[in-house]
Amino acid sequence: MAANRRPTLADVAREVGVSAKTVSRVLNEDGPASAQTREQVLAAVAKLGFQPNLMARNIRVGGPDTTVGLVIPDLANPFFGAVARSIEDTVGDRGLTLLMGSSADDPDRERALTDKFLARRISILMVVPSVGADHSHLKTHRAAGLPVVFLDRPGSGLSTDNVVSSNRAGAHDGVAHLIAHGHRRIGFVGDLPVKLYTRRERLAGYRAALQEADIPYDRSLVTSAHDRDGASAATAQLLGLADPPTALFAGNNIVALGIVTELARSKRRDVAVVAFDDVALAEALEPALTVVAQDAEEIGRTAATTALARLDGDRSRARTITVPTRLIVRGSGERPAPVLQGA
């Protein structure tokens, strides 16, 4: 066998002096073979470093692969990285391997990834849906028993399990915290696109907190950004208003980094900030960043255990599981509103 070629089933058979079919029976445990032959085959497998093609076997016998397919929007986002790690740990305990791809929030790319995963006959499919994606094409797969779970956002066109954060309640709590410190001009910097489920839910929580405090909703205080630079520019725009906000609510962790960057650049230490989702090194900032923290580990674990229960035969109705958020007070959200002259 050439040194640069992967060993094949035929190489193992040649090493032992038996047929390829005999080697296959031993490895798949689907036919008679003597103890001596089994021992010789396994020794040859170890010697040659042969790796069975599980995908090809599963397609041949009509069974699922031992893999879980996960589609997330952005591999670089720490939140989705933490969710994926928790999923991997949970399914790994069942001997399943996680395969992951990034959709870049593009429905076409998401569909292409799910099609590739389905072609592998995966055991479970988990998706963070892109805005505008239609998931009705998964109906036949789900009806055939494939567990499908949507994460972070509900899907469209398919009734299946969803695991989401308490986006509306969390945003409400963060904005109410700013209001409790005297702020009435509170800017909202949300994610893009504006139809994104998490953005809509967090904006709804923002508006609910204002309404409870009898603070009029001002559209000029609401803006959007999808990356750090965009959030910095949006922050500068808000601070440049004739009647600027005294506090800012960041719609996610990436937006929060842009807001903090712009406040530092412009030397604005008087603006209070609360962010939805925690940020790496948030405690190292000055002041430390107050956040509405999502439980990424619990989201991943809940999604994985829900999918595994379906794999084990749970045929109960599809459900949406909401994982609570938690307000972490660190300093940036406790800056008091300025006292107006003559007040």
C-alpha atoms as a PDB file:
ATOM      1  CA  MET A   1       0.000   0.000   0.000  1.00  0.00           C
ATOM      2  CA  ALA A   2       1.357   3.446  -0.969  1.00  0.00           C
ATOM      3  CA  ALA A   3       2.365   5.555   2.047  1.00  0.00           C
ATOM      4  CA  ASN A   4       0.284   8.554   0.934  1.00  0.00           C
ATOM      5  CA  ARG A   5      -2.971   6.607   0.428  1.00  0.00           C
ATOM      6  CA  ARG A   6      -5.665   6.027   3.041  1.00  0.00           C
ATOM      7  CA  PRO A   7      -6.085   2.319   3.838  1.00  0.00           C
ATOM      8  CA  THR A   8      -9.204   0.682   2.437  1.00  0.00           C
ATOM      9  CA  LEU A   9     -11.361  -2.296   3.326  1.00  0.00           C
ATOM     10  CA  ALA A  10      -9.539  -4.260   0.623  1.00  0.00           C
ATOM     11  CA  ASP A  11      -6.186  -3.498   2.267  1.00  0.00           C
ATOM     12  CA  VAL A  12      -7.438  -4.922   5.568  1.00  0.00           C
ATOM     13  CA  ALA A  13      -8.755  -8.022   3.796  1.00  0.00           C
ATOM     14  CA  ARG A  14      -5.429  -8.505   2.020  1.00  0.00           C
ATOM     15  CA  GLU A  15      -3.523  -8.129   5.301  1.00  0.00           C
ATOM     16  CA  VAL A  16      -5.610 -10.832   7.002  1.00  0.00           C
ATOM     17  CA  GLY A  17      -6.025 -13.064   3.951  1.00  0.00           C
ATOM     18  CA  VAL A  18      -9.830 -13.027   3.936  1.00  0.00           C
ATOM     19  CA  SER A  19     -12.479 -11.476   1.702  1.00  0.00           C
ATOM     20  CA  ALA A  20     -13.583  -7.859   1.957  1.00  0.00           C
ATOM     21  CA  LYS A  21     -17.065  -9.140   2.794  1.00  0.00           C
ATOM     22  CA  THR A  22     -15.674 -10.976   5.823  1.00  0.00           C
ATOM     23  CA  VAL A  23     -13.949  -7.800   7.037  1.00  0.00           C
ATOM     24  CA  SER A  24     -17.210  -5.908   6.566  1.00  0.00           C
ATOM     25  CA  ARG A  25     -19.137  -8.508   8.596  1.00  0.00           C
ATOM     26  CA  VAL A  26     -16.670  -8.188  11.464  1.00  0.00           C
ATOM     27  CA  LEU A  27     -16.669  -4.395  11.530  1.00  0.00           C
ATOM     28  CA  ASN A  28     -20.441  -4.058  11.170  1.00  0.00           C
ATOM     29  CA  GLU A  29     -21.240  -7.048  13.400  1.00  0.00           C
ATOM     30  CA  ASP A  30     -23.849  -8.182  10.900  1.00  0.00           C
ATOM     31  CA  GLY A  31     -22.809 -11.732  10.112  1.00  0.00           C
ATOM     32  CA  PRO A  32     -20.950 -14.845  11.323  1.00  0.00           C
ATOM     33  CA  ALA A  33     -17.191 -14.721  11.911  1.00  0.00           C
ATOM     34  CA  SER A  34     -14.953 -16.815  14.154  1.00  0.00           C
ATOM     35  CA  ALA A  35     -13.323 -15.299  17.216  1.00  0.00           C
ATOM     36  CA  GLN A  36      -9.902 -15.812  15.609  1.00  0.00           C
ATOM     37  CA  THR A  37     -10.930 -14.061  12.380  1.00  0.00           C
ATOM     38  CA  ARG A  38     -12.445 -11.194  14.351  1.00  0.00           C
ATOM     39  CA  GLU A  39      -9.246 -10.792  16.361  1.00  0.00           C
ATOM     40  CA  GLN A  40      -7.109 -10.816  13.191  1.00  0.00           C
ATOM     41  CA  VAL A  41      -9.333  -8.259  11.431  1.00  0.00           C
ATOM     42  CA  LEU A  42      -9.313  -5.858  14.379  1.00  0.00           C
ATOM     43  CA  ALA A  43      -5.530  -6.200  14.680  1.00  0.00           C
ATOM     44  CA  ALA A  44      -5.125  -5.375  10.981  1.00  0.00           C
ATOM     45  CA  VAL A  45      -7.445  -2.382  11.314  1.00  0.00           C
ATOM     46  CA  ALA A  46      -5.307  -1.038  14.147  1.00  0.00           C
ATOM     47  CA  LYS A  47      -2.043  -1.753  12.321  1.00  0.00           C
ATOM     48  CA  LEU A  48      -3.109  -0.066   9.069  1.00  0.00           C
ATOM     49  CA  GLY A  49      -5.039   2.775  10.691  1.00  0.00           C
ATOM     50  CA  PHE A  50      -8.200   1.954   8.746  1.00  0.00           C
ATOM     51  CA  GLN A  51     -11.239   4.180   9.413  1.00  0.00           C
ATOM     52  CA  PRO A  52     -14.620   2.761   8.347  1.00  0.00           C
ATOM     53  CA  ASN A  53     -16.759   5.093   6.215  1.00  0.00           C
ATOM     54  CA  LEU A  54     -19.728   5.400   8.559  1.00  0.00           C
ATOM     55  CA  MET A  55     -21.591   7.731   6.243  1.00  0.00           C
ATOM     56  CA  ALA A  56     -21.425   5.273   3.348  1.00  0.00           C
ATOM     57  CA  ARG A  57     -22.502   2.422   5.615  1.00  0.00           C
ATOM     58  CA  ASN A  58     -25.465   4.346   6.978  1.00  0.00           C
ATOM     59  CA  ILE A  59     -26.640   5.290   3.494  1.00  0.00           C
ATOM     60  CA  ARG A  60     -26.288   1.658   2.419  1.00  0.00           C
ATOM     61  CA  VAL A  61     -28.313   0.233   5.296  1.00  0.00           C
ATOM     62  CA  GLY A  62     -30.775   3.143   5.473  1.00  0.00           C
ATOM     63  CA  GLY A  63     -29.856   4.296   8.986  1.00  0.00           C
ATOM     64  CA  PRO A  64     -28.981   7.735  10.329  1.00  0.00           C
ATOM     65  CA  ASP A  65     -25.456   8.992  10.726  1.00  0.00           C
ATOM     66  CA  THR A  66     -24.032   9.552  14.222  1.00  0.00           C
ATOM     67  CA  THR A  67     -23.847  13.306  13.648  1.00  0.00           C
ATOM     68  CA  VAL A  68     -25.812  16.410  14.602  1.00  0.00           C
ATOM     69  CA  GLY A  69     -26.050  19.282  12.110  1.00  0.00           C
ATOM     70  CA  LEU A  70     -26.013  22.835  13.502  1.00  0.00           C
ATOM     71  CA  VAL A  71     -26.454  26.003  11.432  1.00  0.00           C
ATOM     72  CA  ILE A  72     -25.586  29.295  13.148  1.00  0.00           C
ATOM     73  CA  PRO A  73     -25.383  32.819  11.694  1.00  0.00           C
ATOM     74  CA  ASP A  74     -21.836  33.746  12.703  1.00  0.00           C
ATOM     75  CA  LEU A  75     -18.989  31.523  13.862  1.00  0.00           C
ATOM     76  CA  ALA A  76     -17.175  34.556  15.302  1.00  0.00           C
ATOM     77  CA  ASN A  77     -19.999  35.625  17.623  1.00  0.00           C
ATOM     78  CA  PRO A  78     -19.112  34.494  21.180  1.00  0.00           C
ATOM     79  CA  PHE A  79     -22.768  33.883  22.046  1.00  0.00           C
ATOM     80  CA  PHE A  80     -23.282  31.329  19.288  1.00  0.00           C
ATOM     81  CA  GLY A  81     -19.890  29.807  20.043  1.00  0.00           C
ATOM     82  CA  ALA A  82     -20.964  29.203  23.645  1.00  0.00           C
ATOM     83  CA  VAL A  83     -24.294  27.724  22.504  1.00  0.00           C
ATOM     84  CA  ALA A  84     -22.503  25.378  20.092  1.00  0.00           C
ATOM     85  CA  ARG A  85     -20.033  24.255  22.753  1.00  0.00           C
ATOM     86  CA  SER A  86     -22.885  23.357  25.105  1.00  0.00           C
ATOM     87  CA  ILE A  87     -24.667  21.414  22.357  1.00  0.00           C
ATOM     88  CA  GLU A  88     -21.469  19.561  21.516  1.00  0.00           C
ATOM     89  CA  ASP A  89     -20.904  18.574  25.164  1.00  0.00           C
ATOM     90  CA  THR A  90     -24.478  17.341  25.547  1.00  0.00           C
ATOM     91  CA  VAL A  91     -24.758  15.281  22.357  1.00  0.00           C
ATOM     92  CA  GLY A  92     -21.204  14.030  22.840  1.00  0.00           C
ATOM     93  CA  ASP A  93     -22.360  12.196  25.947  1.00  0.00           C
ATOM     94  CA  ARG A  94     -24.574  10.155  23.623  1.00  0.00           C
ATOM     95  CA  GLY A  95     -21.780   9.364  21.197  1.00  0.00           C
ATOM     96  CA  LEU A  96     -22.906  11.903  18.607  1.00  0.00           C
ATOM     97  CA  THR A  97     -20.587  14.291  16.770  1.00  0.00           C
ATOM     98  CA  LEU A  98     -21.479  17.927  16.066  1.00  0.00           C
ATOM     99  CA  LEU A  99     -21.129  19.289  12.533  1.00  0.00           C
ATOM    100  CA  MET A 100     -21.479  23.060  12.222  1.00  0.00           C
ATOM    101  CA  GLY A 101     -21.729  25.661   9.492  1.00  0.00           C
ATOM    102  CA  SER A 102     -22.351  29.405   9.258  1.00  0.00           C
ATOM    103  CA  SER A 103     -25.246  30.831   7.255  1.00  0.00           C
ATOM    104  CA  ALA A 104     -24.153  34.492   7.540  1.00  0.00           C
ATOM    105  CA  ASP A 105     -27.897  35.131   8.059  1.00  0.00           C
ATOM    106  CA  ASP A 106     -28.450  34.305   4.381  1.00  0.00           C
ATOM    107  CA  PRO A 107     -31.550  32.125   3.736  1.00  0.00           C
ATOM    108  CA  ASP A 108     -30.048  30.583   0.592  1.00  0.00           C
ATOM    109  CA  ARG A 109     -26.828  29.684   2.353  1.00  0.00           C
ATOM    110  CA  GLU A 110     -28.804  28.281   5.282  1.00  0.00           C
ATOM    111  CA  ARG A 111     -30.808  26.079   2.887  1.00  0.00           C
ATOM    112  CA  ALA A 112     -27.639  24.847   1.183  1.00  0.00           C
ATOM    113  CA  LEU A 113     -26.123  23.896   4.548  1.00  0.00           C
ATOM    114  CA  THR A 114     -29.230  22.075   5.742  1.00  0.00           C
ATOM    115  CA  ASP A 115     -29.398  20.182   2.436  1.00  0.00           C
ATOM    116  CA  LYS A 116     -25.787  19.064   2.881  1.00  0.00           C
ATOM    117  CA  PHE A 117     -26.481  17.923   6.422  1.00  0.00           C
ATOM    118  CA  LEU A 118     -29.604  16.060   5.335  1.00  0.00           C
ATOM    119  CA  ALA A 119     -27.624  14.306   2.603  1.00  0.00           C
ATOM    120  CA  ARG A 120     -25.406  12.894   5.349  1.00  0.00           C
ATOM    121  CA  ARG A 121     -28.486  11.383   7.019  1.00  0.00           C
ATOM    122  CA  ILE A 122     -27.786  13.278  10.253  1.00  0.00           C
ATOM    123  CA  SER A 123     -29.512  12.168  13.450  1.00  0.00           C
ATOM    124  CA  ILE A 124     -30.560  15.693  14.520  1.00  0.00           C
ATOM    125  CA  LEU A 125     -30.867  19.070  12.780  1.00  0.00           C
ATOM    126  CA  MET A 126     -30.550  22.317  14.743  1.00  0.00           C
ATOM    127  CA  VAL A 127     -30.842  25.742  13.105  1.00  0.00           C
ATOM    128  CA  VAL A 128     -30.632  29.409  14.076  1.00  0.00           C
ATOM    129  CA  PRO A 129     -33.055  30.636  11.375  1.00  0.00           C
ATOM    130  CA  SER A 130     -32.114  33.412   8.960  1.00  0.00           C
ATOM    131  CA  VAL A 131     -34.563  36.256   8.379  1.00  0.00           C
ATOM    132  CA  GLY A 132     -36.779  35.375   5.423  1.00  0.00           C
ATOM    133  CA  ALA A 133     -35.955  31.660   5.431  1.00  0.00           C
ATOM    134  CA  ASP A 134     -38.758  29.192   4.677  1.00  0.00           C
ATOM    135  CA  HIS A 135     -38.430  25.889   6.531  1.00  0.00           C
ATOM    136  CA  SER A 136     -41.423  24.100   5.027  1.00  0.00           C
ATOM    137  CA  HIS A 137     -38.997  21.920   3.037  1.00  0.00           C
ATOM    138  CA  LEU A 138     -38.146  20.188   6.337  1.00  0.00           C
ATOM    139  CA  LYS A 139     -41.704  18.926   6.896  1.00  0.00           C
ATOM    140  CA  THR A 140     -41.151  15.558   5.240  1.00  0.00           C
ATOM    141  CA  HIS A 141     -37.920  15.007   7.178  1.00  0.00           C
ATOM    142  CA  ARG A 142     -39.558  15.866  10.479  1.00  0.00           C
ATOM    143  CA  ALA A 143     -42.540  13.660   9.653  1.00  0.00           C
ATOM    144  CA  ALA A 144     -40.087  10.823   9.015  1.00  0.00           C
ATOM    145  CA  GLY A 145     -38.749  11.226  12.560  1.00  0.00           C
ATOM    146  CA  LEU A 146     -35.828  13.635  12.200  1.00  0.00           C
ATOM    147  CA  PRO A 147     -35.628  15.871  15.301  1.00  0.00           C
ATOM    148  CA  VAL A 148     -35.521  19.526  14.208  1.00  0.00           C
ATOM    149  CA  VAL A 149     -34.927  22.298  16.758  1.00  0.00           C
ATOM    150  CA  PHE A 150     -34.758  26.033  16.107  1.00  0.00           C
ATOM    151  CA  LEU A 151     -32.462  28.075  18.351  1.00  0.00           C
ATOM    152  CA  ASP A 152     -32.501  31.751  19.352  1.00  0.00           C
ATOM    153  CA  ARG A 153     -35.314  32.500  16.883  1.00  0.00           C
ATOM    154  CA  PRO A 154     -38.411  30.590  15.746  1.00  0.00           C
ATOM    155  CA  GLY A 155     -38.409  29.171  12.249  1.00  0.00           C
ATOM    156  CA  SER A 156     -41.009  29.721   9.547  1.00  0.00           C
ATOM    157  CA  GLY A 157     -43.274  27.237   7.788  1.00  0.00           C
ATOM    158  CA  LEU A 158     -42.582  24.348  10.155  1.00  0.00           C
ATOM    159  CA  SER A 159     -44.126  23.421  13.481  1.00  0.00           C
ATOM    160  CA  THR A 160     -41.264  22.168  15.627  1.00  0.00           C
ATOM    161  CA  ASP A 161     -39.431  22.842  18.885  1.00  0.00           C
ATOM    162  CA  ASN A 162     -37.927  26.270  19.568  1.00  0.00           C
ATOM    163  CA  VAL A 163     -35.500  27.333  22.301  1.00  0.00           C
ATOM    164  CA  VAL A 164     -35.219  31.098  22.796  1.00  0.00           C
ATOM    165  CA  SER A 165     -34.148  33.657  25.400  1.00  0.00           C
ATOM    166  CA  SER A 166     -36.633  35.845  27.271  1.00  0.00           C
ATOM    167  CA  ASN A 167     -35.794  38.673  24.875  1.00  0.00           C
ATOM    168  CA  ARG A 168     -38.759  40.930  25.585  1.00  0.00           C
ATOM    169  CA  ALA A 169     -38.679  40.534  29.361  1.00  0.00           C
ATOM    170  CA  GLY A 170     -34.888  40.931  29.473  1.00  0.00           C
ATOM    171  CA  ALA A 171     -34.918  44.139  27.436  1.00  0.00           C
ATOM    172  CA  HIS A 172     -37.754  45.471  29.595  1.00  0.00           C
ATOM    173  CA  ASP A 173     -35.732  44.818  32.741  1.00  0.00           C
ATOM    174  CA  GLY A 174     -32.629  46.507  31.328  1.00  0.00           C
ATOM    175  CA  VAL A 175     -34.479  49.637  30.239  1.00  0.00           C
ATOM    176  CA  ALA A 176     -36.484  49.763  33.481  1.00  0.00           C
ATOM    177  CA  HIS A 177     -33.152  49.702  35.316  1.00  0.00           C
ATOM    178  CA  LEU A 178     -32.043  52.818  33.433  1.00  0.00           C
ATOM    179  CA  ILE A 179     -35.371  54.507  34.128  1.00  0.00           C
ATOM    180  CA  ALA A 180     -34.960  53.716  37.833  1.00  0.00           C
ATOM    181  CA  HIS A 181     -31.738  55.751  37.759  1.00  0.00           C
ATOM    182  CA  GLY A 182     -33.579  58.803  36.466  1.00  0.00           C
ATOM    183  CA  HIS A 183     -33.135  58.445  32.705  1.00  0.00           C
ATOM    184  CA  ARG A 184     -35.976  59.432  30.377  1.00  0.00           C
ATOM    185  CA  ARG A 185     -34.050  59.961  27.130  1.00  0.00           C
ATOM    186  CA  ILE A 186     -32.901  56.404  26.413  1.00  0.00           C
ATOM    187  CA  GLY A 187     -31.487  55.449  23.038  1.00  0.00           C
ATOM    188  CA  PHE A 188     -31.969  51.984  21.547  1.00  0.00           C
ATOM    189  CA  VAL A 189     -29.340  50.555  19.183  1.00  0.00           C
ATOM    190  CA  GLY A 190     -30.680  47.300  17.753  1.00  0.00           C
ATOM    191  CA  ASP A 191     -29.374  44.678  15.371  1.00  0.00           C
ATOM    192  CA  LEU A 192     -30.104  44.405  11.650  1.00  0.00           C
ATOM    193  CA  PRO A 193     -32.202  43.507   9.782  1.00  0.00           C
ATOM    194  CA  VAL A 194     -35.090  45.241  11.510  1.00  0.00           C
ATOM    195  CA  LYS A 195     -37.308  42.172  10.933  1.00  0.00           C
ATOM    196  CA  LEU A 196     -34.962  39.990  12.993  1.00  0.00           C
ATOM    197  CA  TYR A 197     -36.990  38.216  15.695  1.00  0.00           C
ATOM    198  CA  THR A 198     -34.606  39.056  18.546  1.00  0.00           C
ATOM    199  CA  ARG A 199     -34.462  42.714  17.536  1.00  0.00           C
ATOM    200  CA  ARG A 200     -38.245  42.992  17.372  1.00  0.00           C
ATOM    201  CA  GLU A 201     -38.691  41.307  20.743  1.00  0.00           C
ATOM    202  CA  ARG A 202     -36.053  43.466  22.441  1.00  0.00           C
ATOM    203  CA  LEU A 203     -37.485  46.638  20.924  1.00  0.00           C
ATOM    204  CA  ALA A 204     -40.901  45.593  22.220  1.00  0.00           C
ATOM    205  CA  GLY A 205     -39.417  45.203  25.704  1.00  0.00           C
ATOM    206  CA  TYR A 206     -37.817  48.640  25.422  1.00  0.00           C
ATOM    207  CA  ARG A 207     -41.142  50.210  24.444  1.00  0.00           C
ATOM    208  CA  ALA A 208     -43.016  48.387  27.214  1.00  0.00           C
ATOM    209  CA  ALA A 209     -40.641  49.756  29.863  1.00  0.00           C
ATOM    210  CA  LEU A 210     -41.075  53.294  28.513  1.00  0.00           C
ATOM    211  CA  GLN A 211     -44.842  52.928  28.480  1.00  0.00           C
ATOM    212  CA  GLU A 212     -44.921  51.696  32.074  1.00  0.00           C
ATOM    213  CA  ALA A 213     -42.997  54.820  33.127  1.00  0.00           C
ATOM    214  CA  ASP A 214     -45.215  57.142  31.029  1.00  0.00           C
ATOM    215  CA  ILE A 215     -42.255  58.065  28.834  1.00  0.00           C
ATOM    216  CA  PRO A 216     -43.261  58.827  25.222  1.00  0.00           C
ATOM    217  CA  TYR A 217     -41.722  56.653  22.529  1.00  0.00           C
ATOM    218  CA  ASP A 218     -39.390  58.764  20.383  1.00  0.00           C
ATOM    219  CA  ARG A 219     -38.417  57.212  17.041  1.00  0.00           C
ATOM    220  CA  SER A 220     -35.393  59.507  16.766  1.00  0.00           C
ATOM    221  CA  LEU A 221     -33.832  57.582  19.675  1.00  0.00           C
ATOM    222  CA  VAL A 222     -34.088  54.208  17.901  1.00  0.00           C
ATOM    223  CA  THR A 223     -31.406  53.138  15.446  1.00  0.00           C
ATOM    224  CA  SER A 224     -29.703  49.993  14.159  1.00  0.00           C
ATOM    225  CA  ALA A 225     -26.322  48.474  13.399  1.00  0.00           C
ATOM    226  CA  HIS A 226     -25.008  45.022  12.532  1.00  0.00           C
ATOM    227  CA  ASP A 227     -21.347  45.367  13.441  1.00  0.00           C
ATOM    228  CA  ARG A 228     -19.038  47.228  15.796  1.00  0.00           C
ATOM    229  CA  ASP A 229     -18.225  50.080  13.415  1.00  0.00           C
ATOM    230  CA  GLY A 230     -21.877  50.554  12.534  1.00  0.00           C
ATOM    231  CA  ALA A 231     -22.797  50.685  16.206  1.00  0.00           C
ATOM    232  CA  SER A 232     -20.106  53.294  16.852  1.00  0.00           C
ATOM    233  CA  ALA A 233     -21.491  55.447  14.037  1.00  0.00           C
ATOM    234  CA  ALA A 234     -25.059  54.989  15.301  1.00  0.00           C
ATOM    235  CA  THR A 235     -23.956  56.025  18.783  1.00  0.00           C
ATOM    236  CA  ALA A 236     -22.288  59.174  17.456  1.00  0.00           C
ATOM    237  CA  GLN A 237     -25.471  60.011  15.558  1.00  0.00           C
ATOM    238  CA  LEU A 238     -27.612  59.651  18.685  1.00  0.00           C
ATOM    239  CA  LEU A 239     -25.253  61.744  20.788  1.00  0.00           C
ATOM    240  CA  GLY A 240     -25.312  64.441  18.121  1.00  0.00           C
ATOM    241  CA  LEU A 241     -29.070  64.984  18.394  1.00  0.00           C
ATOM    242  CA  ALA A 242     -30.343  68.364  19.589  1.00  0.00           C
ATOM    243  CA  ASP A 243     -31.839  66.534  22.572  1.00  0.00           C
ATOM    244  CA  PRO A 244     -29.519  63.536  22.922  1.00  0.00           C
ATOM    245  CA  PRO A 245     -30.094  60.460  25.085  1.00  0.00           C
ATOM    246  CA  THR A 246     -28.566  60.300  28.560  1.00  0.00           C
ATOM    247  CA  ALA A 247     -28.549  56.499  28.434  1.00  0.00           C
ATOM    248  CA  LEU A 248     -28.208  53.811  25.772  1.00  0.00           C
ATOM    249  CA  PHE A 249     -29.549  50.287  25.524  1.00  0.00           C
ATOM    250  CA  ALA A 250     -27.477  47.966  23.298  1.00  0.00           C
ATOM    251  CA  GLY A 251     -29.484  45.342  21.439  1.00  0.00           C
ATOM    252  CA  ASN A 252     -26.707  42.714  21.522  1.00  0.00           C
ATOM    253  CA  ASN A 253     -23.072  42.118  22.464  1.00  0.00           C
ATOM    254  CA  ILE A 254     -21.575  43.290  19.160  1.00  0.00           C
ATOM    255  CA  VAL A 255     -23.561  46.540  19.303  1.00  0.00           C
ATOM    256  CA  ALA A 256     -22.421  47.029  22.898  1.00  0.00           C
ATOM    257  CA  LEU A 257     -18.765  46.944  21.844  1.00  0.00           C
ATOM    258  CA  GLY A 258     -19.432  49.648  19.260  1.00  0.00           C
ATOM    259  CA  ILE A 259     -21.231  51.839  21.793  1.00  0.00           C
ATOM    260  CA  VAL A 260     -18.442  51.511  24.357  1.00  0.00           C
ATOM    261  CA  THR A 261     -15.842  52.260  21.678  1.00  0.00           C
ATOM    262  CA  GLU A 262     -17.580  55.482  20.626  1.00  0.00           C
ATOM    263  CA  LEU A 263     -18.144  56.664  24.196  1.00  0.00           C
ATOM    264  CA  ALA A 264     -14.443  56.154  24.930  1.00  0.00           C
ATOM    265  CA  ARG A 265     -13.386  57.903  21.717  1.00  0.00           C
ATOM    266  CA  SER A 266     -15.597  60.904  22.433  1.00  0.00           C
ATOM    267  CA  LYS A 267     -14.682  60.910  26.132  1.00  0.00           C
ATOM    268  CA  ARG A 268     -18.327  60.700  27.164  1.00  0.00           C
ATOM    269  CA  ARG A 269     -18.353  59.353  30.709  1.00  0.00           C
ATOM    270  CA  ASP A 270     -21.793  60.768  31.481  1.00  0.00           C
ATOM    271  CA  VAL A 271     -23.857  58.338  29.367  1.00  0.00           C
ATOM    272  CA  ALA A 272     -25.284  55.254  31.071  1.00  0.00           C
ATOM    273  CA  VAL A 273     -25.217  51.933  29.165  1.00  0.00           C
ATOM    274  CA  VAL A 274     -26.988  48.606  29.559  1.00  0.00           C
ATOM    275  CA  ALA A 275     -26.324  45.856  27.015  1.00  0.00           C
ATOM    276  CA  PHE A 276     -28.394  42.821  26.060  1.00  0.00           C
ATOM    277  CA  ASP A 277     -26.038  39.831  26.257  1.00  0.00           C
ATOM    278  CA  ASP A 278     -22.760  39.730  28.088  1.00  0.00           C
ATOM    279  CA  VAL A 279     -19.462  40.858  26.620  1.00  0.00           C
ATOM    280  CA  ALA A 280     -15.995  39.385  27.079  1.00  0.00           C
ATOM    281  CA  LEU A 281     -13.973  41.425  29.599  1.00  0.00           C
ATOM    282  CA  ALA A 282     -17.103  43.417  30.508  1.00  0.00           C
ATOM    283  CA  GLU A 283     -15.810  43.677  34.077  1.00  0.00           C
ATOM    284  CA  ALA A 284     -12.499  45.117  32.865  1.00  0.00           C
ATOM    285  CA  LEU A 285     -14.158  48.181  31.324  1.00  0.00           C
ATOM    286  CA  GLU A 286     -14.336  51.454  33.236  1.00  0.00           C
ATOM    287  CA  PRO A 287     -16.978  51.461  34.443  1.00  0.00           C
ATOM    288  CA  ALA A 288     -17.744  47.765  34.141  1.00  0.00           C
ATOM    289  CA  LEU A 289     -20.608  47.005  31.770  1.00  0.00           C
ATOM    290  CA  THR A 290     -24.085  46.326  33.148  1.00  0.00           C
ATOM    291  CA  VAL A 291     -25.759  43.635  31.038  1.00  0.00           C
ATOM    292  CA  VAL A 292     -28.874  41.563  30.559  1.00  0.00           C
ATOM    293  CA  ALA A 293     -27.101  38.217  30.305  1.00  0.00           C
ATOM    294  CA  GLN A 294     -28.371  35.339  28.223  1.00  0.00           C
ATOM    295  CA  ASP A 295     -27.630  31.817  29.415  1.00  0.00           C
ATOM    296  CA  ALA A 296     -25.965  30.474  26.285  1.00  0.00           C
ATOM    297  CA  GLU A 297     -24.944  27.251  27.995  1.00  0.00           C
ATOM    298  CA  GLU A 298     -28.514  26.536  29.111  1.00  0.00           C
ATOM    299  CA  ILE A 299     -29.896  27.389  25.661  1.00  0.00           C
ATOM    300  CA  GLY A 300     -27.537  24.881  24.050  1.00  0.00           C
ATOM    301  CA  ARG A 301     -28.135  22.217  26.672  1.00  0.00           C
ATOM    302  CA  THR A 302     -31.935  22.627  26.520  1.00  0.00           C
ATOM    303  CA  ALA A 303     -31.945  22.482  22.724  1.00  0.00           C
ATOM    304  CA  ALA A 304     -29.778  19.358  22.733  1.00  0.00           C
ATOM    305  CA  THR A 305     -31.751  17.517  25.429  1.00  0.00           C
ATOM    306  CA  THR A 306     -35.006  18.389  23.659  1.00  0.00           C
ATOM    307  CA  ALA A 307     -33.658  16.991  20.382  1.00  0.00           C
ATOM    308  CA  LEU A 308     -32.325  13.859  22.089  1.00  0.00           C
ATOM    309  CA  ALA A 309     -35.718  13.268  23.700  1.00  0.00           C
ATOM    310  CA  ARG A 310     -37.286  13.429  20.227  1.00  0.00           C
ATOM    311  CA  LEU A 311     -34.643  11.010  18.984  1.00  0.00           C
ATOM    312  CA  ASP A 312     -35.636   8.650  21.794  1.00  0.00           C
ATOM    313  CA  GLY A 313     -39.275   8.685  20.708  1.00  0.00           C
ATOM    314  CA  ASP A 314     -40.900  11.734  22.325  1.00  0.00           C
ATOM    315  CA  ARG A 315     -43.864  12.512  20.058  1.00  0.00           C
ATOM    316  CA  SER A 316     -45.505  15.211  22.172  1.00  0.00           C
ATOM    317  CA  ARG A 317     -46.601  18.475  20.569  1.00  0.00           C
ATOM    318  CA  ALA A 318     -43.949  20.949  19.423  1.00  0.00           C
ATOM    319  CA  ARG A 319     -43.173  23.544  22.054  1.00  0.00           C
ATOM    320  CA  THR A 320     -41.263  26.771  22.598  1.00  0.00           C
ATOM    321  CA  ILE A 321     -38.949  26.797  25.598  1.00  0.00           C
ATOM    322  CA  THR A 322     -37.929  30.222  26.919  1.00  0.00           C
ATOM    323  CA  VAL A 323     -34.663  30.450  28.846  1.00  0.00           C
ATOM    324  CA  PRO A 324     -34.630  33.338  31.375  1.00  0.00           C
ATOM    325  CA  THR A 325     -32.150  36.217  31.203  1.00  0.00           C
ATOM    326  CA  ARG A 326     -30.463  37.863  34.187  1.00  0.00           C
ATOM    327  CA  LEU A 327     -29.624  41.508  34.893  1.00  0.00           C
ATOM    328  CA  ILE A 328     -26.007  41.824  36.038  1.00  0.00           C
ATOM    329  CA  VAL A 329     -25.298  45.197  37.649  1.00  0.00           C
ATOM    330  CA  ARG A 330     -21.691  46.319  37.218  1.00  0.00           C
ATOM    331  CA  GLY A 331     -21.618  50.115  37.007  1.00  0.00           C
ATOM    332  CA  SER A 332     -22.277  51.458  33.515  1.00  0.00           C
ATOM    333  CA  GLY A 333     -26.037  51.218  33.907  1.00  0.00           C
ATOM    334  CA  GLU A 334     -26.058  52.946  37.265  1.00  0.00           C
ATOM    335  CA  ARG A 335     -24.791  56.321  36.128  1.00  0.00           C
ATOM    336  CA  PRO A 336     -27.529  58.759  37.196  1.00  0.00           C
ATOM    337  CA  ALA A 337     -29.300  61.011  34.745  1.00  0.00           C
ATOM    338  CA  PRO A 338     -27.934  64.594  34.805  1.00  0.00           C
ATOM    339  CA  VAL A 339     -29.834  67.073  36.909  1.00  0.00           C
ATOM    340  CA  LEU A 340     -31.417  69.690  34.675  1.00  0.00           C
ATOM    341  CA  GLN A 341     -30.578  73.300  35.458  1.00  0.00           C
ATOM    342  CA  GLY A 342     -33.467  75.068  37.155  1.00  0.00           C
ATOM    343  CA  ALA A 343     -35.046  71.759  38.158  1.00  0.00           C
END
